[in-house]
PDB file of N, CA and C in Angstrom:
ATOM      1  N   MET A   1       0.971  -1.054   0.179  1.00  0.00           N
ATOM      2  CA  MET A   1      -0.408   0.193   0.159  1.00  0.00           C
ATOM      3  C   MET A   1       1.004   1.417   0.151  1.00  0.00           C
ATOM      4  N   VAL A   2       2.209   1.211   1.416  1.00  0.00           N
ATOM      5  CA  VAL A   2       3.053   2.426   0.980  1.00  0.00           C
ATOM      6  C   VAL A   2       3.587   2.809  -0.500  1.00  0.00           C
ATOM      7  N   LYS A   3       3.693   1.506  -1.442  1.00  0.00           N
ATOM      8  CA  LYS A   3       4.645   1.854  -2.138  1.00  0.00           C
ATOM      9  C   LYS A   3       3.947   2.581  -3.248  1.00  0.00           C
ATOM     10  N   SER A   4       2.445   2.515  -2.952  1.00  0.00           N
ATOM     11  CA  SER A   4       1.442   3.177  -4.336  1.00  0.00           C
ATOM     12  C   SER A   4       1.808   4.746  -4.048  1.00  0.00           C
ATOM     13  N   ILE A   5       1.823   5.343  -2.860  1.00  0.00           N
ATOM     14  CA  ILE A   5       2.158   6.453  -2.923  1.00  0.00           C
ATOM     15  C   ILE A   5       3.002   7.116  -3.854  1.00  0.00           C
ATOM     16  N   PRO A   6       2.551   7.910  -4.732  1.00  0.00           N
ATOM     17  CA  PRO A   6       3.208   8.581  -5.587  1.00  0.00           C
ATOM     18  C   PRO A   6       4.883   9.775  -5.316  1.00  0.00           C
ATOM     19  N   LYS A   7       5.550   9.931  -5.935  1.00  0.00           N
ATOM     20  CA  LYS A   7       6.392  10.734  -5.851  1.00  0.00           C
ATOM     21  C   LYS A   7       6.006  11.650  -5.609  1.00  0.00           C
ATOM     22  N   GLY A   8       6.361  12.949  -4.666  1.00  0.00           N
ATOM     23  CA  GLY A   8       5.966  13.997  -4.509  1.00  0.00           C
ATOM     24  C   GLY A   8       4.762  14.851  -3.577  1.00  0.00           C
ATOM     25  N   GLN A   9       3.998  13.132  -3.030  1.00  0.00           N
ATOM     26  CA  GLN A   9       2.543  12.976  -2.398  1.00  0.00           C
ATOM     27  C   GLN A   9       3.105  12.404  -1.398  1.00  0.00           C
ATOM     28  N   VAL A  10       2.418  12.499  -0.077  1.00  0.00           N
ATOM     29  CA  VAL A  10       2.209  11.781   1.160  1.00  0.00           C
ATOM     30  C   VAL A  10       0.705  11.229   1.628  1.00  0.00           C
ATOM     31  N   ALA A  11       1.070  10.365   2.269  1.00  0.00           N
ATOM     32  CA  ALA A  11      -0.452  10.062   3.378  1.00  0.00           C
ATOM     33  C   ALA A  11       0.078   9.624   4.508  1.00  0.00           C
ATOM     34  N   THR A  12      -1.306  10.036   5.216  1.00  0.00           N
ATOM     35  CA  THR A  12      -0.922  10.307   6.592  1.00  0.00           C
ATOM     36  C   THR A  12      -1.298   8.352   7.243  1.00  0.00           C
ATOM     37  N   TYR A  13      -0.472   8.424   8.739  1.00  0.00           N
ATOM     38  CA  TYR A  13      -0.188   6.994   9.364  1.00  0.00           C
ATOM     39  C   TYR A  13      -2.376   6.393   9.283  1.00  0.00           C
ATOM     40  N   GLY A  14      -2.745   7.487   9.444  1.00  0.00           N
ATOM     41  CA  GLY A  14      -4.537   7.225   9.520  1.00  0.00           C
ATOM     42  C   GLY A  14      -4.931   6.799   8.064  1.00  0.00           C
ATOM     43  N   GLN A  15      -4.729   7.599   7.440  1.00  0.00           N
ATOM     44  CA  GLN A  15      -5.049   7.398   5.800  1.00  0.00           C
ATOM     45  C   GLN A  15      -4.661   5.430   5.401  1.00  0.00           C
ATOM     46  N   VAL A  16      -3.401   5.362   5.391  1.00  0.00           N
ATOM     47  CA  VAL A  16      -2.447   4.155   5.465  1.00  0.00           C
ATOM     48  C   VAL A  16      -3.188   2.726   6.139  1.00  0.00           C
ATOM     49  N   ALA A  17      -3.653   3.429   7.323  1.00  0.00           N
ATOM     50  CA  ALA A  17      -4.597   2.810   8.418  1.00  0.00           C
ATOM     51  C   ALA A  17      -5.468   2.036   7.643  1.00  0.00           C
ATOM     52  N   ALA A  18      -6.506   3.267   7.598  1.00  0.00           N
ATOM     53  CA  ALA A  18      -7.457   2.947   6.688  1.00  0.00           C
ATOM     54  C   ALA A  18      -8.482   2.453   5.454  1.00  0.00           C
ATOM     55  N   LEU A  19      -6.911   2.182   3.878  1.00  0.00           N
ATOM     56  CA  LEU A  19      -6.845   1.717   3.336  1.00  0.00           C
ATOM     57  C   LEU A  19      -6.568   0.212   3.874  1.00  0.00           C
ATOM     58  N   ALA A  20      -6.123   0.090   5.081  1.00  0.00           N
ATOM     59  CA  ALA A  20      -5.461  -1.350   5.017  1.00  0.00           C
ATOM     60  C   ALA A  20      -6.556  -2.157   6.117  1.00  0.00           C
ATOM     61  N   GLY A  21      -7.756  -0.994   5.915  1.00  0.00           N
ATOM     62  CA  GLY A  21      -8.966  -2.072   6.303  1.00  0.00           C
ATOM     63  C   GLY A  21      -9.191  -2.323   8.295  1.00  0.00           C
ATOM     64  N   ASN A  22      -8.262  -0.752   9.223  1.00  0.00           N
ATOM     65  CA  ASN A  22      -7.967  -0.452  10.382  1.00  0.00           C
ATOM     66  C   ASN A  22      -7.768   0.301  10.704  1.00  0.00           C
ATOM     67  N   PRO A  23      -8.988   1.355  10.789  1.00  0.00           N
ATOM     68  CA  PRO A  23      -9.147   2.688  10.733  1.00  0.00           C
ATOM     69  C   PRO A  23      -8.661   3.374  12.116  1.00  0.00           C
ATOM     70  N   ARG A  24      -8.562   2.297  12.602  1.00  0.00           N
ATOM     71  CA  ARG A  24      -7.939   2.809  14.242  1.00  0.00           C
ATOM     72  C   ARG A  24      -6.693   2.345  14.674  1.00  0.00           C
ATOM     73  N   ASN A  25      -5.600   2.394  13.465  1.00  0.00           N
ATOM     74  CA  ASN A  25      -4.643   1.453  13.776  1.00  0.00           C
ATOM     75  C   ASN A  25      -3.728   1.954  13.609  1.00  0.00           C
ATOM     76  N   ALA A  26      -3.619   3.766  13.299  1.00  0.00           N
ATOM     77  CA  ALA A  26      -2.820   4.587  12.777  1.00  0.00           C
ATOM     78  C   ALA A  26      -1.210   4.586  13.530  1.00  0.00           C
ATOM     79  N   ARG A  27      -1.188   3.633  14.519  1.00  0.00           N
ATOM     80  CA  ARG A  27      -0.242   3.601  15.346  1.00  0.00           C
ATOM     81  C   ARG A  27       1.069   2.973  14.832  1.00  0.00           C
ATOM     82  N   PHE A  28      -0.097   1.329  15.032  1.00  0.00           N
ATOM     83  CA  PHE A  28       0.465   0.074  14.296  1.00  0.00           C
ATOM     84  C   PHE A  28       1.306   0.450  12.926  1.00  0.00           C
ATOM     85  N   VAL A  29       0.653   1.198  12.089  1.00  0.00           N
ATOM     86  CA  VAL A  29       1.055   1.500  10.781  1.00  0.00           C
ATOM     87  C   VAL A  29       2.647   2.083  11.155  1.00  0.00           C
ATOM     88  N   GLY A  30       2.707   3.385  12.386  1.00  0.00           N
ATOM     89  CA  GLY A  30       4.147   3.534  12.257  1.00  0.00           C
ATOM     90  C   GLY A  30       4.714   2.689  12.852  1.00  0.00           C
ATOM     91  N   PHE A  31       4.603   1.673  13.013  1.00  0.00           N
ATOM     92  CA  PHE A  31       5.272   0.756  14.345  1.00  0.00           C
ATOM     93  C   PHE A  31       6.007   0.004  13.347  1.00  0.00           C
ATOM     94  N   ALA A  32       4.781  -1.056  12.190  1.00  0.00           N
ATOM     95  CA  ALA A  32       5.464  -1.525  10.879  1.00  0.00           C
ATOM     96  C   ALA A  32       6.420  -0.783   9.913  1.00  0.00           C
ATOM     97  N   LEU A  33       6.085   0.825   9.919  1.00  0.00           N
ATOM     98  CA  LEU A  33       7.181   1.032   8.803  1.00  0.00           C
ATOM     99  C   LEU A  33       8.302   1.881  10.100  1.00  0.00           C
ATOM    100  N   HIS A  34       8.751   1.949  10.850  1.00  0.00           N
ATOM    101  CA  HIS A  34       9.763   1.977  11.541  1.00  0.00           C
ATOM    102  C   HIS A  34      10.860   0.834  11.597  1.00  0.00           C
ATOM    103  N   ALA A  35       9.993  -0.300  11.428  1.00  0.00           N
ATOM    104  CA  ALA A  35      10.783  -1.346  11.018  1.00  0.00           C
ATOM    105  C   ALA A  35      10.897  -2.122   9.664  1.00  0.00           C
ATOM    106  N   ASN A  36      10.342  -0.911   8.863  1.00  0.00           N
ATOM    107  CA  ASN A  36      10.514  -1.754   7.225  1.00  0.00           C
ATOM    108  C   ASN A  36      12.194  -1.855   6.744  1.00  0.00           C
ATOM    109  N   PRO A  37      12.238  -3.321   6.530  1.00  0.00           N
ATOM    110  CA  PRO A  37      13.276  -3.875   6.159  1.00  0.00           C
ATOM    111  C   PRO A  37      13.586  -3.596   5.467  1.00  0.00           C
ATOM    112  N   LYS A  38      12.984  -2.999   4.023  1.00  0.00           N
ATOM    113  CA  LYS A  38      13.497  -2.205   2.842  1.00  0.00           C
ATOM    114  C   LYS A  38      12.941  -0.233   2.436  1.00  0.00           C
ATOM    115  N   PRO A  39      13.582   0.293   3.291  1.00  0.00           N
ATOM    116  CA  PRO A  39      13.471   1.338   2.966  1.00  0.00           C
ATOM    117  C   PRO A  39      13.795   2.253   1.410  1.00  0.00           C
ATOM    118  N   GLY A  40      14.431   1.711   0.720  1.00  0.00           N
ATOM    119  CA  GLY A  40      14.608   2.104  -0.573  1.00  0.00           C
ATOM    120  C   GLY A  40      13.488   1.479  -1.330  1.00  0.00           C
ATOM    121  N   VAL A  41      12.859   0.505  -1.381  1.00  0.00           N
ATOM    122  CA  VAL A  41      11.589  -0.381  -1.906  1.00  0.00           C
ATOM    123  C   VAL A  41      10.514  -0.055  -1.302  1.00  0.00           C
ATOM    124  N   ILE A  42      10.431   0.415   0.089  1.00  0.00           N
ATOM    125  CA  ILE A  42       9.077   0.509   0.890  1.00  0.00           C
ATOM    126  C   ILE A  42       9.294   2.583   1.117  1.00  0.00           C
ATOM    127  N   PRO A  43       8.479   2.950   0.536  1.00  0.00           N
ATOM    128  CA  PRO A  43       9.286   4.511   0.838  1.00  0.00           C
ATOM    129  C   PRO A  43       8.370   5.286   2.406  1.00  0.00           C
ATOM    130  N   CYS A  44       8.795   4.627   3.299  1.00  0.00           N
ATOM    131  CA  CYS A  44       8.241   5.036   4.592  1.00  0.00           C
ATOM    132  C   CYS A  44       8.115   6.258   5.074  1.00  0.00           C
ATOM    133  N   HIS A  45       8.964   6.663   3.884  1.00  0.00           N
ATOM    134  CA  HIS A  45       9.435   8.643   4.124  1.00  0.00           C
ATOM    135  C   HIS A  45       8.400   9.344   3.922  1.00  0.00           C
ATOM    136  N   ARG A  46       6.664   8.676   2.975  1.00  0.00           N
ATOM    137  CA  ARG A  46       6.213   9.116   2.443  1.00  0.00           C
ATOM    138  C   ARG A  46       4.726   9.190   3.517  1.00  0.00           C
ATOM    139  N   VAL A  47       5.549   8.924   4.627  1.00  0.00           N
ATOM    140  CA  VAL A  47       3.843   8.989   5.416  1.00  0.00           C
ATOM    141  C   VAL A  47       4.242   9.936   6.703  1.00  0.00           C
ATOM    142  N   VAL A  48       3.532  10.348   7.190  1.00  0.00           N
ATOM    143  CA  VAL A  48       3.352  11.263   8.290  1.00  0.00           C
ATOM    144  C   VAL A  48       2.211  11.501   8.847  1.00  0.00           C
ATOM    145  N   PHE A  49       2.142  12.626   9.879  1.00  0.00           N
ATOM    146  CA  PHE A  49       1.222  13.029  11.113  1.00  0.00           C
ATOM    147  C   PHE A  49      -0.202  13.321  10.275  1.00  0.00           C
ATOM    148  N   ARG A  50      -1.050  13.421  10.517  1.00  0.00           N
ATOM    149  CA  ARG A  50      -1.914  14.060  10.345  1.00  0.00           C
ATOM    150  C   ARG A  50      -1.854  15.543   9.823  1.00  0.00           C
ATOM    151  N   ASP A  51      -1.076  16.363  10.621  1.00  0.00           N
ATOM    152  CA  ASP A  51      -0.752  17.693  10.579  1.00  0.00           C
ATOM    153  C   ASP A  51      -0.213  18.066   9.424  1.00  0.00           C
ATOM    154  N   GLY A  52       0.627  16.815   8.871  1.00  0.00           N
ATOM    155  CA  GLY A  52       1.545  16.625   8.355  1.00  0.00           C
ATOM    156  C   GLY A  52       3.187  16.758   8.828  1.00  0.00           C
ATOM    157  N   SER A  53       3.057  17.030   9.861  1.00  0.00           N
ATOM    158  CA  SER A  53       4.322  17.025  10.739  1.00  0.00           C
ATOM    159  C   SER A  53       5.198  15.456  10.803  1.00  0.00           C
ATOM    160  N   LEU A  54       6.757  16.187  10.406  1.00  0.00           N
ATOM    161  CA  LEU A  54       7.226  14.510  10.235  1.00  0.00           C
ATOM    162  C   LEU A  54       7.644  13.278  11.601  1.00  0.00           C
ATOM    163  N   ALA A  55       7.681  12.684  11.300  1.00  0.00           N
ATOM    164  CA  ALA A  55       8.191  11.970  12.740  1.00  0.00           C
ATOM    165  C   ALA A  55       9.077  12.447  13.428  1.00  0.00           C
ATOM    166  N   PRO A  56       9.440  12.294  14.546  1.00  0.00           N
ATOM    167  CA  PRO A  56      10.390  12.495  15.305  1.00  0.00           C
ATOM    168  C   PRO A  56      11.293  11.497  14.966  1.00  0.00           C
ATOM    169  N   GLY A  57      10.970  10.294  15.451  1.00  0.00           N
ATOM    170  CA  GLY A  57      11.732   9.075  15.359  1.00  0.00           C
ATOM    171  C   GLY A  57      11.943   8.463  13.923  1.00  0.00           C
ATOM    172  N   PHE A  58      11.693   8.903  12.913  1.00  0.00           N
ATOM    173  CA  PHE A  58      12.036   8.159  11.546  1.00  0.00           C
ATOM    174  C   PHE A  58      13.504   7.856  11.696  1.00  0.00           C
ATOM    175  N   ALA A  59      13.069   6.541  11.751  1.00  0.00           N
ATOM    176  CA  ALA A  59      13.880   5.578  11.115  1.00  0.00           C
ATOM    177  C   ALA A  59      15.451   5.686  10.637  1.00  0.00           C
ATOM    178  N   PHE A  60      15.369   6.027   9.700  1.00  0.00           N
ATOM    179  CA  PHE A  60      16.301   5.906   8.730  1.00  0.00           C
ATOM    180  C   PHE A  60      16.808   7.727   8.338  1.00  0.00           C
ATOM    181  N   GLY A  61      17.342   8.226   9.328  1.00  0.00           N
ATOM    182  CA  GLY A  61      18.052   9.592   9.203  1.00  0.00           C
ATOM    183  C   GLY A  61      17.456  10.150  10.418  1.00  0.00           C
ATOM    184  N   GLY A  62      16.171  10.093  10.815  1.00  0.00           N
ATOM    185  CA  GLY A  62      15.356  10.969  11.545  1.00  0.00           C
ATOM    186  C   GLY A  62      14.529  11.876  10.682  1.00  0.00           C
ATOM    187  N   PRO A  63      14.042  13.392  11.485  1.00  0.00           N
ATOM    188  CA  PRO A  63      12.936  13.582  10.482  1.00  0.00           C
ATOM    189  C   PRO A  63      14.208  14.924   9.767  1.00  0.00           C
ATOM    190  N   ASP A  64      15.446  15.080  10.037  1.00  0.00           N
ATOM    191  CA  ASP A  64      16.437  16.095   8.867  1.00  0.00           C
ATOM    192  C   ASP A  64      16.421  15.254   7.197  1.00  0.00           C
ATOM    193  N   ARG A  65      16.378  13.747   7.786  1.00  0.00           N
ATOM    194  CA  ARG A  65      16.688  13.062   6.735  1.00  0.00           C
ATOM    195  C   ARG A  65      15.079  13.067   5.977  1.00  0.00           C
ATOM    196  N   GLN A  66      13.953  12.818   6.541  1.00  0.00           N
ATOM    197  CA  GLN A  66      12.716  12.681   6.185  1.00  0.00           C
ATOM    198  C   GLN A  66      12.529  13.967   5.070  1.00  0.00           C
ATOM    199  N   ARG A  67      12.427  14.657   5.698  1.00  0.00           N
ATOM    200  CA  ARG A  67      12.423  15.809   5.023  1.00  0.00           C
ATOM    201  C   ARG A  67      12.966  16.245   3.602  1.00  0.00           C
ATOM    202  N   GLN A  68      14.296  15.684   3.612  1.00  0.00           N
ATOM    203  CA  GLN A  68      15.061  15.952   2.888  1.00  0.00           C
ATOM    204  C   GLN A  68      14.897  14.834   1.601  1.00  0.00           C
ATOM    205  N   LEU A  69      14.255  13.334   1.923  1.00  0.00           N
ATOM    206  CA  LEU A  69      14.149  12.977   0.959  1.00  0.00           C
ATOM    207  C   LEU A  69      12.973  13.172   0.282  1.00  0.00           C
ATOM    208  N   LEU A  70      11.853  14.086   0.916  1.00  0.00           N
ATOM    209  CA  LEU A  70      10.483  14.768   0.556  1.00  0.00           C
ATOM    210  C   LEU A  70      10.848  15.814  -0.288  1.00  0.00           C
ATOM    211  N   GLU A  71      11.640  16.601   0.380  1.00  0.00           N
ATOM    212  CA  GLU A  71      12.056  18.047  -0.922  1.00  0.00           C
ATOM    213  C   GLU A  71      12.698  17.665  -1.869  1.00  0.00           C
ATOM    214  N   GLU A  72      13.309  16.415  -2.012  1.00  0.00           N
ATOM    215  CA  GLU A  72      14.000  15.854  -2.930  1.00  0.00           C
ATOM    216  C   GLU A  72      12.818  15.834  -4.322  1.00  0.00           C
ATOM    217  N   GLU A  73      12.041  15.125  -3.883  1.00  0.00           N
ATOM    218  CA  GLU A  73      10.601  14.534  -4.501  1.00  0.00           C
ATOM    219  C   GLU A  73       9.271  15.045  -4.878  1.00  0.00           C
ATOM    220  N   GLY A  74      10.187  16.602  -4.568  1.00  0.00           N
ATOM    221  CA  GLY A  74       9.410  18.166  -5.152  1.00  0.00           C
ATOM    222  C   GLY A  74       8.051  17.781  -4.208  1.00  0.00           C
ATOM    223  N   VAL A  75       7.754  17.389  -2.605  1.00  0.00           N
ATOM    224  CA  VAL A  75       6.703  17.882  -1.791  1.00  0.00           C
ATOM    225  C   VAL A  75       7.164  19.234  -0.972  1.00  0.00           C
ATOM    226  N   ARG A  76       5.790  19.805  -1.277  1.00  0.00           N
ATOM    227  CA  ARG A  76       6.138  21.329  -0.377  1.00  0.00           C
ATOM    228  C   ARG A  76       5.813  21.207   0.802  1.00  0.00           C
ATOM    229  N   PHE A  77       6.273  22.467   1.671  1.00  0.00           N
ATOM    230  CA  PHE A  77       6.179  22.130   3.271  1.00  0.00           C
ATOM    231  C   PHE A  77       6.261  23.512   3.568  1.00  0.00           C
ATOM    232  N   LEU A  78       5.228  24.011   4.815  1.00  0.00           N
ATOM    233  CA  LEU A  78       4.898  24.627   5.159  1.00  0.00           C
ATOM    234  C   LEU A  78       6.018  25.498   6.319  1.00  0.00           C
ATOM    235  N   PRO A  79       6.237  26.513   6.544  1.00  0.00           N
ATOM    236  CA  PRO A  79       7.492  26.915   7.368  1.00  0.00           C
ATOM    237  C   PRO A  79       7.135  26.584   8.618  1.00  0.00           C
ATOM    238  N   PRO A  80       7.996  26.579   9.448  1.00  0.00           N
ATOM    239  CA  PRO A  80       7.473  26.282  10.995  1.00  0.00           C
ATOM    240  C   PRO A  80       7.035  27.145  11.521  1.00  0.00           C
ATOM    241  N   GLN A  81       5.860  26.583  12.670  1.00  0.00           N
ATOM    242  CA  GLN A  81       5.441  28.227  13.495  1.00  0.00           C
ATOM    243  C   GLN A  81       5.983  29.210  14.107  1.00  0.00           C
ATOM    244  N   ALA A  82       5.497  29.642  14.867  1.00  0.00           N
ATOM    245  CA  ALA A  82       6.096  31.101  15.911  1.00  0.00           C
ATOM    246  C   ALA A  82       6.159  29.272  17.421  1.00  0.00           C
ATOM    247  N   GLY A  83       8.014  29.818  17.567  1.00  0.00           N
ATOM    248  CA  GLY A  83       7.949  29.007  18.901  1.00  0.00           C
ATOM    249  C   GLY A  83       8.458  27.546  18.523  1.00  0.00           C
ATOM    250  N   GLN A  84       8.292  27.243  17.063  1.00  0.00           N
ATOM    251  CA  GLN A  84       8.813  26.104  16.733  1.00  0.00           C
ATOM    252  C   GLN A  84      10.381  26.256  15.742  1.00  0.00           C
ATOM    253  N   SER A  85      11.227  25.734  16.245  1.00  0.00           N
ATOM    254  CA  SER A  85      12.761  25.707  15.414  1.00  0.00           C
ATOM    255  C   SER A  85      12.870  24.342  14.961  1.00  0.00           C
ATOM    256  N   GLY A  86      13.758  24.394  14.242  1.00  0.00           N
ATOM    257  CA  GLY A  86      14.475  22.760  13.493  1.00  0.00           C
ATOM    258  C   GLY A  86      13.219  22.099  12.990  1.00  0.00           C
ATOM    259  N   ASP A  87      13.888  20.589  12.600  1.00  0.00           N
ATOM    260  CA  ASP A  87      12.473  20.175  11.819  1.00  0.00           C
ATOM    261  C   ASP A  87      11.526  19.561  12.179  1.00  0.00           C
ATOM    262  N   GLU A  88      11.440  20.121  13.914  1.00  0.00           N
ATOM    263  CA  GLU A  88       9.869  19.206  13.972  1.00  0.00           C
ATOM    264  C   GLU A  88       8.847  20.512  13.526  1.00  0.00           C
ATOM    265  N   GLY A  89       9.136  21.474  13.582  1.00  0.00           N
ATOM    266  CA  GLY A  89       8.031  22.830  12.884  1.00  0.00           C
ATOM    267  C   GLY A  89       7.437  22.806  11.620  1.00  0.00           C
ATOM    268  N   TRP A  90       8.538  21.833  10.833  1.00  0.00           N
ATOM    269  CA  TRP A  90       8.463  22.042   9.273  1.00  0.00           C
ATOM    270  C   TRP A  90       7.001  20.505   9.103  1.00  0.00           C
ATOM    271  N   ARG A  91       6.034  21.546   8.497  1.00  0.00           N
ATOM    272  CA  ARG A  91       4.617  20.575   8.364  1.00  0.00           C
ATOM    273  C   ARG A  91       5.108  20.241   6.417  1.00  0.00           C
ATOM    274  N   VAL A  92       4.263  18.821   6.041  1.00  0.00           N
ATOM    275  CA  VAL A  92       3.834  19.239   4.816  1.00  0.00           C
ATOM    276  C   VAL A  92       2.740  19.796   4.504  1.00  0.00           C
ATOM    277  N   ASP A  93       2.644  20.381   3.253  1.00  0.00           N
ATOM    278  CA  ASP A  93       1.547  21.153   2.631  1.00  0.00           C
ATOM    279  C   ASP A  93       0.628  20.008   2.198  1.00  0.00           C
ATOM    280  N   LEU A  94      -0.377  19.372   3.627  1.00  0.00           N
ATOM    281  CA  LEU A  94      -0.842  18.578   2.659  1.00  0.00           C
ATOM    282  C   LEU A  94      -2.483  19.015   2.087  1.00  0.00           C
ATOM    283  N   ASP A  95      -2.574  20.364   1.712  1.00  0.00           N
ATOM    284  CA  ASP A  95      -3.626  20.567   0.913  1.00  0.00           C
ATOM    285  C   ASP A  95      -2.868  20.464  -1.059  1.00  0.00           C
ATOM    286  N   HIS A  96      -1.558  20.371  -0.881  1.00  0.00           N
ATOM    287  CA  HIS A  96      -1.072  20.540  -2.200  1.00  0.00           C
ATOM    288  C   HIS A  96      -0.593  18.808  -2.564  1.00  0.00           C
ATOM    289  N   CYS A  97       0.244  18.326  -1.154  1.00  0.00           N
ATOM    290  CA  CYS A  97       0.615  17.318  -1.559  1.00  0.00           C
ATOM    291  C   CYS A  97      -0.379  15.765  -0.669  1.00  0.00           C
ATOM    292  N   GLN A  98      -0.847  15.723  -0.114  1.00  0.00           N
ATOM    293  CA  GLN A  98      -1.196  14.547   0.419  1.00  0.00           C
ATOM    294  C   GLN A  98      -2.239  13.576  -0.905  1.00  0.00           C
ATOM    295  N   TRP A  99      -2.156  12.716  -0.846  1.00  0.00           N
ATOM    296  CA  TRP A  99      -2.395  11.496  -1.956  1.00  0.00           C
ATOM    297  C   TRP A  99      -3.462  11.374  -1.711  1.00  0.00           C
ATOM    298  N   GLN A 100      -4.394  11.088  -2.558  1.00  0.00           N
ATOM    299  CA  GLN A 100      -5.517  11.570  -2.948  1.00  0.00           C
ATOM    300  C   GLN A 100      -5.670  10.112  -4.190  1.00  0.00           C
ATOM    301  N   GLN A 101      -5.498   8.944  -3.155  1.00  0.00           N
ATOM    302  CA  GLN A 101      -5.898   7.722  -3.955  1.00  0.00           C
ATOM    303  C   GLN A 101      -7.560   7.212  -3.901  1.00  0.00           C
TER     304      GLN A 101
END
């Protein structure tokens, strides 16, 4: 399912859970992606929180790397809000980049 998310777009953990038939299991999607054995094949970097924020525990280089991978694919970000700094404040512009399967 995550393999179906095209470059330049993202899905939320809840979206992936719903597509898998378990809309209340977004957290389990996160656990599964954290243990992804093939990050080059299964693009787990394309899955974000429902507000567009990045996973602080992104297993393959942290949120810095997740943001870099998404930017390389053309994903647009909203700037950090007041009081936030670093990659924790950046959010994907879901209005333009959320996958509509």
